[in-house]
C-alpha atoms as a PDB file:
ATOM      1  CA  MET A   1     -83.727  62.066  80.471  1.00  0.00           C
ATOM      2  CA  LEU A   2     -80.992  62.545  77.896  1.00  0.00           C
ATOM      3  CA  LEU A   3     -81.094  60.616  74.664  1.00  0.00           C
ATOM      4  CA  PRO A   4     -78.209  58.128  74.305  1.00  0.00           C
ATOM      5  CA  PHE A   5     -77.734  58.824  70.586  1.00  0.00           C
ATOM      6  CA  LEU A   6     -79.267  60.441  67.528  1.00  0.00           C
ATOM      7  CA  ASP A   7     -78.612  57.484  65.220  1.00  0.00           C
ATOM      8  CA  GLU A   8     -77.663  54.154  66.789  1.00  0.00           C
ATOM      9  CA  THR A   9     -76.023  52.998  63.573  1.00  0.00           C
ATOM     10  CA  GLU A  10     -73.379  55.750  63.820  1.00  0.00           C
ATOM     11  CA  ILE A  11     -70.304  56.234  66.001  1.00  0.00           C
ATOM     12  CA  GLU A  12     -71.327  59.612  67.385  1.00  0.00           C
ATOM     13  CA  ALA A  13     -68.961  62.094  68.973  1.00  0.00           C
ATOM     14  CA  GLY A  14     -70.608  64.828  71.032  1.00  0.00           C
ATOM     15  CA  CYS A  15     -68.857  68.225  71.028  1.00  0.00           C
ATOM     16  CA  ASP A  16     -69.202  71.294  73.194  1.00  0.00           C
ATOM     17  CA  GLU A  17     -67.135  74.266  74.296  1.00  0.00           C
ATOM     18  CA  ALA A  18     -66.659  76.290  77.477  1.00  0.00           C
ATOM     19  CA  GLY A  19     -65.511  79.855  77.969  1.00  0.00           C
ATOM     20  CA  ARG A  20     -66.771  81.414  74.784  1.00  0.00           C
ATOM     21  CA  GLY A  21     -68.233  84.415  76.605  1.00  0.00           C
ATOM     22  CA  CYS A  22     -65.275  84.978  78.933  1.00  0.00           C
ATOM     23  CA  LEU A  23     -63.085  88.057  78.905  1.00  0.00           C
ATOM     24  CA  CYS A  24     -59.869  86.146  79.436  1.00  0.00           C
ATOM     25  CA  GLY A  25     -58.211  82.781  79.131  1.00  0.00           C
ATOM     26  CA  PRO A  26     -58.578  80.134  76.442  1.00  0.00           C
ATOM     27  CA  VAL A  27     -61.760  78.643  75.092  1.00  0.00           C
ATOM     28  CA  PHE A  28     -61.868  74.909  75.810  1.00  0.00           C
ATOM     29  CA  ALA A  29     -63.731  72.187  73.936  1.00  0.00           C
ATOM     30  CA  ALA A  30     -64.275  68.478  74.359  1.00  0.00           C
ATOM     31  CA  ALA A  31     -65.337  65.612  72.133  1.00  0.00           C
ATOM     32  CA  VAL A  32     -66.776  62.440  73.641  1.00  0.00           C
ATOM     33  CA  ILE A  33     -67.835  59.097  72.228  1.00  0.00           C
ATOM     34  CA  LEU A  34     -69.954  57.147  74.706  1.00  0.00           C
ATOM     35  CA  PRO A  35     -70.892  53.462  74.568  1.00  0.00           C
ATOM     36  CA  HIS A  36     -74.412  52.900  73.248  1.00  0.00           C
ATOM     37  CA  ASP A  37     -75.405  51.358  76.572  1.00  0.00           C
ATOM     38  CA  PHE A  38     -74.057  54.241  78.671  1.00  0.00           C
ATOM     39  CA  ARG A  39     -76.559  55.447  81.253  1.00  0.00           C
ATOM     40  CA  ASN A  40     -76.153  57.860  84.119  1.00  0.00           C
ATOM     41  CA  ASP A  41     -79.128  59.529  85.785  1.00  0.00           C
ATOM     42  CA  LEU A  42     -77.038  62.487  86.930  1.00  0.00           C
ATOM     43  CA  LEU A  43     -75.614  63.342  83.515  1.00  0.00           C
ATOM     44  CA  ASN A  44     -76.924  66.673  82.243  1.00  0.00           C
ATOM     45  CA  ASP A  45     -75.886  69.988  80.731  1.00  0.00           C
ATOM     46  CA  SER A  46     -72.927  71.123  82.839  1.00  0.00           C
ATOM     47  CA  LYS A  47     -74.686  74.420  83.654  1.00  0.00           C
ATOM     48  CA  GLN A  48     -77.445  72.473  85.430  1.00  0.00           C
ATOM     49  CA  LEU A  49     -75.000  70.695  87.755  1.00  0.00           C
ATOM     50  CA  THR A  50     -73.087  71.692  90.845  1.00  0.00           C
ATOM     51  CA  GLU A  51     -69.300  71.853  90.748  1.00  0.00           C
ATOM     52  CA  LYS A  52     -69.101  68.679  92.835  1.00  0.00           C
ATOM     53  CA  GLN A  53     -71.437  66.848  90.444  1.00  0.00           C
ATOM     54  CA  ARG A  54     -69.446  67.964  87.402  1.00  0.00           C
ATOM     55  CA  TYR A  55     -66.169  66.660  88.774  1.00  0.00           C
ATOM     56  CA  ALA A  56     -67.745  63.383  89.886  1.00  0.00           C
ATOM     57  CA  LEU A  57     -69.198  62.912  86.399  1.00  0.00           C
ATOM     58  CA  ARG A  58     -65.866  63.750  84.780  1.00  0.00           C
ATOM     59  CA  GLU A  59     -64.349  60.700  86.450  1.00  0.00           C
ATOM     60  CA  VAL A  60     -67.211  58.509  85.199  1.00  0.00           C
ATOM     61  CA  ILE A  61     -67.024  59.894  81.664  1.00  0.00           C
ATOM     62  CA  GLU A  62     -63.266  59.486  81.381  1.00  0.00           C
ATOM     63  CA  ARG A  63     -63.455  55.950  82.744  1.00  0.00           C
ATOM     64  CA  GLU A  64     -66.364  54.717  80.634  1.00  0.00           C
ATOM     65  CA  ALA A  65     -66.143  56.679  77.380  1.00  0.00           C
ATOM     66  CA  VAL A  66     -65.121  54.858  74.229  1.00  0.00           C
ATOM     67  CA  ALA A  67     -62.918  57.881  73.563  1.00  0.00           C
ATOM     68  CA  PHE A  68     -62.624  61.506  74.622  1.00  0.00           C
ATOM     69  CA  GLY A  69     -60.470  64.524  73.851  1.00  0.00           C
ATOM     70  CA  VAL A  70     -60.124  67.952  75.462  1.00  0.00           C
ATOM     71  CA  ALA A  71     -58.371  70.864  73.761  1.00  0.00           C
ATOM     72  CA  SER A  72     -58.093  74.636  73.949  1.00  0.00           C
ATOM     73  CA  VAL A  73     -57.423  77.739  71.882  1.00  0.00           C
ATOM     74  CA  SER A  74     -55.472  80.532  73.561  1.00  0.00           C
ATOM     75  CA  ASN A  75     -56.586  84.106  74.082  1.00  0.00           C
ATOM     76  CA  GLU A  76     -53.960  85.224  71.541  1.00  0.00           C
ATOM     77  CA  GLU A  77     -55.441  82.888  68.944  1.00  0.00           C
ATOM     78  CA  ILE A  78     -58.943  84.095  69.820  1.00  0.00           C
ATOM     79  CA  ASP A  79     -57.837  87.673  69.161  1.00  0.00           C
ATOM     80  CA  ARG A  80     -56.372  86.617  65.833  1.00  0.00           C
ATOM     81  CA  ILE A  81     -59.227  84.522  64.409  1.00  0.00           C
ATOM     82  CA  ASN A  82     -62.255  85.662  66.529  1.00  0.00           C
ATOM     83  CA  ILE A  83     -64.105  83.724  69.205  1.00  0.00           C
ATOM     84  CA  LEU A  84     -66.480  81.874  66.891  1.00  0.00           C
ATOM     85  CA  ASN A  85     -63.683  80.449  64.759  1.00  0.00           C
ATOM     86  CA  ALA A  86     -61.689  79.741  67.917  1.00  0.00           C
ATOM     87  CA  SER A  87     -64.579  77.703  69.284  1.00  0.00           C
ATOM     88  CA  PHE A  88     -64.682  75.648  66.072  1.00  0.00           C
ATOM     89  CA  LEU A  89     -60.909  75.198  66.180  1.00  0.00           C
ATOM     90  CA  ALA A  90     -61.007  74.014  69.801  1.00  0.00           C
ATOM     91  CA  MET A  91     -63.636  71.419  68.879  1.00  0.00           C
ATOM     92  CA  HIS A  92     -61.578  70.286  65.883  1.00  0.00           C
ATOM     93  CA  ARG A  93     -58.527  69.909  68.106  1.00  0.00           C
ATOM     94  CA  ALA A  94     -60.565  67.867  70.590  1.00  0.00           C
ATOM     95  CA  LEU A  95     -61.788  65.642  67.753  1.00  0.00           C
ATOM     96  CA  ASP A  96     -58.170  65.197  66.618  1.00  0.00           C
ATOM     97  CA  LEU A  97     -57.417  63.614  69.997  1.00  0.00           C
ATOM     98  CA  LEU A  98     -60.054  60.867  69.740  1.00  0.00           C
ATOM     99  CA  ARG A  99     -58.491  57.408  69.530  1.00  0.00           C
ATOM    100  CA  VAL A 100     -61.639  56.156  67.782  1.00  0.00           C
ATOM    101  CA  ARG A 101     -62.731  57.910  64.601  1.00  0.00           C
ATOM    102  CA  PRO A 102     -66.388  58.954  64.719  1.00  0.00           C
ATOM    103  CA  THR A 103     -68.724  58.580  61.765  1.00  0.00           C
ATOM    104  CA  SER A 104     -70.955  61.423  62.953  1.00  0.00           C
ATOM    105  CA  ILE A 105     -70.501  64.546  65.086  1.00  0.00           C
ATOM    106  CA  LEU A 106     -73.181  66.113  67.286  1.00  0.00           C
ATOM    107  CA  VAL A 107     -72.432  69.758  68.101  1.00  0.00           C
ATOM    108  CA  ASP A 108     -74.057  71.941  70.727  1.00  0.00           C
ATOM    109  CA  GLY A 109     -75.333  75.157  69.147  1.00  0.00           C
ATOM    110  CA  ASN A 110     -76.397  76.199  65.668  1.00  0.00           C
ATOM    111  CA  ARG A 111     -73.098  76.633  63.807  1.00  0.00           C
ATOM    112  CA  PHE A 112     -70.064  74.478  63.096  1.00  0.00           C
ATOM    113  CA  LYS A 113     -67.237  74.312  60.588  1.00  0.00           C
ATOM    114  CA  PRO A 114     -67.083  70.896  58.876  1.00  0.00           C
ATOM    115  CA  TYR A 115     -64.499  68.502  60.263  1.00  0.00           C
ATOM    116  CA  GLY A 116     -62.975  66.668  57.332  1.00  0.00           C
ATOM    117  CA  ASN A 117     -65.584  64.579  55.563  1.00  0.00           C
ATOM    118  CA  ILE A 118     -67.390  63.473  58.714  1.00  0.00           C
ATOM    119  CA  ALA A 119     -71.083  64.351  58.808  1.00  0.00           C
ATOM    120  CA  HIS A 120     -72.172  66.684  61.597  1.00  0.00           C
ATOM    121  CA  LYS A 121     -75.420  67.947  63.055  1.00  0.00           C
ATOM    122  CA  THR A 122     -75.800  71.122  65.125  1.00  0.00           C
ATOM    123  CA  ILE A 123     -78.329  70.934  67.932  1.00  0.00           C
ATOM    124  CA  VAL A 124     -79.479  74.015  69.841  1.00  0.00           C
ATOM    125  CA  LYS A 125     -79.271  73.276  73.578  1.00  0.00           C
ATOM    126  CA  GLY A 126     -77.910  69.883  72.633  1.00  0.00           C
ATOM    127  CA  ASP A 127     -76.082  69.596  75.953  1.00  0.00           C
ATOM    128  CA  GLY A 128     -79.493  69.134  77.566  1.00  0.00           C
ATOM    129  CA  LYS A 129     -80.700  66.645  74.940  1.00  0.00           C
ATOM    130  CA  TYR A 130     -77.944  64.174  74.059  1.00  0.00           C
ATOM    131  CA  ALA A 131     -75.685  62.316  76.466  1.00  0.00           C
ATOM    132  CA  SER A 132     -72.509  62.654  74.400  1.00  0.00           C
ATOM    133  CA  ILE A 133     -72.863  66.446  74.139  1.00  0.00           C
ATOM    134  CA  ALA A 134     -73.641  66.727  77.854  1.00  0.00           C
ATOM    135  CA  ALA A 135     -70.528  64.676  78.598  1.00  0.00           C
ATOM    136  CA  ALA A 136     -68.466  66.972  76.371  1.00  0.00           C
ATOM    137  CA  SER A 137     -69.884  70.042  78.125  1.00  0.00           C
ATOM    138  CA  ILE A 138     -68.784  68.644  81.495  1.00  0.00           C
ATOM    139  CA  LEU A 139     -65.242  67.887  80.355  1.00  0.00           C
ATOM    140  CA  ALA A 140     -64.822  71.266  78.647  1.00  0.00           C
ATOM    141  CA  LYS A 141     -66.181  73.122  81.677  1.00  0.00           C
ATOM    142  CA  THR A 142     -64.137  71.295  84.327  1.00  0.00           C
ATOM    143  CA  TYR A 143     -60.870  71.432  82.402  1.00  0.00           C
ATOM    144  CA  ARG A 144     -61.307  75.146  81.791  1.00  0.00           C
ATOM    145  CA  ASP A 145     -62.201  75.727  85.436  1.00  0.00           C
ATOM    146  CA  ASP A 146     -58.991  73.939  86.434  1.00  0.00           C
ATOM    147  CA  TYR A 147     -57.033  76.227  84.123  1.00  0.00           C
ATOM    148  CA  MET A 148     -58.633  79.402  85.481  1.00  0.00           C
ATOM    149  CA  ASN A 149     -58.127  78.258  89.081  1.00  0.00           C
ATOM    150  CA  GLU A 150     -54.405  78.019  88.361  1.00  0.00           C
ATOM    151  CA  LEU A 151     -54.325  81.504  86.787  1.00  0.00           C
ATOM    152  CA  ASP A 152     -56.169  82.845  89.812  1.00  0.00           C
ATOM    153  CA  LYS A 153     -53.165  82.038  92.004  1.00  0.00           C
ATOM    154  CA  ASP A 154     -51.075  84.610  90.124  1.00  0.00           C
ATOM    155  CA  PHE A 155     -53.875  87.165  89.566  1.00  0.00           C
ATOM    156  CA  PRO A 156     -56.132  86.960  92.633  1.00  0.00           C
ATOM    157  CA  GLN A 157     -57.439  90.514  92.249  1.00  0.00           C
ATOM    158  CA  TYR A 158     -59.605  89.491  89.268  1.00  0.00           C
ATOM    159  CA  GLY A 159     -61.494  86.786  91.133  1.00  0.00           C
ATOM    160  CA  TRP A 160     -60.969  84.153  88.438  1.00  0.00           C
ATOM    161  CA  GLY A 161     -61.240  81.382  91.011  1.00  0.00           C
ATOM    162  CA  LYS A 162     -64.917  82.316  91.322  1.00  0.00           C
ATOM    163  CA  ASN A 163     -65.901  84.046  88.083  1.00  0.00           C
ATOM    164  CA  LYS A 164     -63.655  81.886  85.824  1.00  0.00           C
ATOM    165  CA  GLY A 165     -63.082  84.885  83.572  1.00  0.00           C
ATOM    166  CA  TYR A 166     -66.722  85.710  82.852  1.00  0.00           C
ATOM    167  CA  PRO A 167     -67.733  89.403  82.774  1.00  0.00           C
ATOM    168  CA  THR A 168     -69.062  89.644  86.320  1.00  0.00           C
ATOM    169  CA  ARG A 169     -69.328  92.964  88.101  1.00  0.00           C
ATOM    170  CA  GLN A 170     -66.260  92.071  90.180  1.00  0.00           C
ATOM    171  CA  HIS A 171     -64.191  91.157  87.134  1.00  0.00           C
ATOM    172  CA  ARG A 172     -65.124  94.325  85.262  1.00  0.00           C
ATOM    173  CA  ALA A 173     -64.379  96.461  88.312  1.00  0.00           C
ATOM    174  CA  ALA A 174     -60.967  94.780  88.647  1.00  0.00           C
ATOM    175  CA  ILE A 175     -60.191  95.557  84.998  1.00  0.00           C
ATOM    176  CA  SER A 176     -61.084  99.206  85.613  1.00  0.00           C
ATOM    177  CA  GLU A 177     -58.794  99.307  88.656  1.00  0.00           C
ATOM    178  CA  TRP A 178     -55.884  97.093  87.617  1.00  0.00           C
ATOM    179  CA  GLY A 179     -56.026  97.108  83.842  1.00  0.00           C
ATOM    180  CA  VAL A 180     -55.740  94.007  81.694  1.00  0.00           C
ATOM    181  CA  THR A 181     -53.323  91.080  81.800  1.00  0.00           C
ATOM    182  CA  GLU A 182     -51.643  89.037  79.109  1.00  0.00           C
ATOM    183  CA  HIS A 183     -54.476  86.546  79.581  1.00  0.00           C
ATOM    184  CA  HIS A 184     -57.261  88.931  78.570  1.00  0.00           C
ATOM    185  CA  ARG A 185     -58.845  88.839  75.122  1.00  0.00           C
ATOM    186  CA  MET A 186     -58.112  92.223  73.636  1.00  0.00           C
ATOM    187  CA  SER A 187     -60.548  91.677  70.760  1.00  0.00           C
ATOM    188  CA  PHE A 188     -63.344  91.856  73.345  1.00  0.00           C
ATOM    189  CA  ASN A 189     -62.793  95.641  73.402  1.00  0.00           C
ATOM    190  CA  LEU A 190     -60.999  96.122  76.671  1.00  0.00           C
ATOM    191  CA  SER A 191     -59.708  99.662  76.296  1.00  0.00           C
ATOM    192  CA  GLY A 192     -57.906 101.813  78.819  1.00  0.00           C
ATOM    193  CA  GLY A 193     -58.847  99.396  81.569  1.00  0.00           C
ATOM    194  CA  ILE A 194     -62.542  99.994  80.886  1.00  0.00           C
ATOM    195  CA  LEU A 195     -64.778  97.339  79.420  1.00  0.00           C
ATOM    196  CA  LEU A 196     -66.664  98.798  76.439  1.00  0.00           C
ATOM    197  CA  ARG A 197     -68.376  95.619  75.290  1.00  0.00           C
ATOM    198  CA  PHE A 198     -68.531  92.014  76.322  1.00  0.00           C
ATOM    199  CA  GLU A 199     -70.081  88.931  74.825  1.00  0.00           C
ATOM    200  CA  ASP A 200     -72.486  86.503  76.416  1.00  0.00           C
ATOM    201  CA  GLY A 201     -71.696  82.824  76.146  1.00  0.00           C
ATOM    202  CA  ASN A 202     -71.358  79.528  77.921  1.00  0.00           C
END
């Protein structure tokens, strides 16, 4: 069972990102502030849920959250500032969209760049521990999936509708055969249509 908050005296915003380990497309992030009495037995780390469950929960989260924001950082920006900084920037942009200002930020992972003067705490595997981070993981994942599904219509040979841009065998084979697109992250060492290195991520 997920914990509803870390400190009940704070207005906590949970943050998480999606697409950090992908070879193409933006990295997305979400920030979510849930009511203290929010409970949902299905809510969990987005990776532990089916696609149908994620989209059903997205409706619940968006309806019942005190506030939420979803933002992205493009592949061009990722190439310019690197994927780690891009992940921080996406989370900052999501926090910018909150209509309620948090007093504390809970971040999935072990690193974060301070957001103004608001206190933050990084929590490894936090999306499986705290409800607000789990909610953020679901929004980030589903919004990014929507984006990649749209790109897939114009680039079906890469299989983005299924692999969502992750370095699957099919995706890497397609890069070898077709080369890269304007949506690929060139800083992930895609050279001559052959993938030399790729990064793991969420």
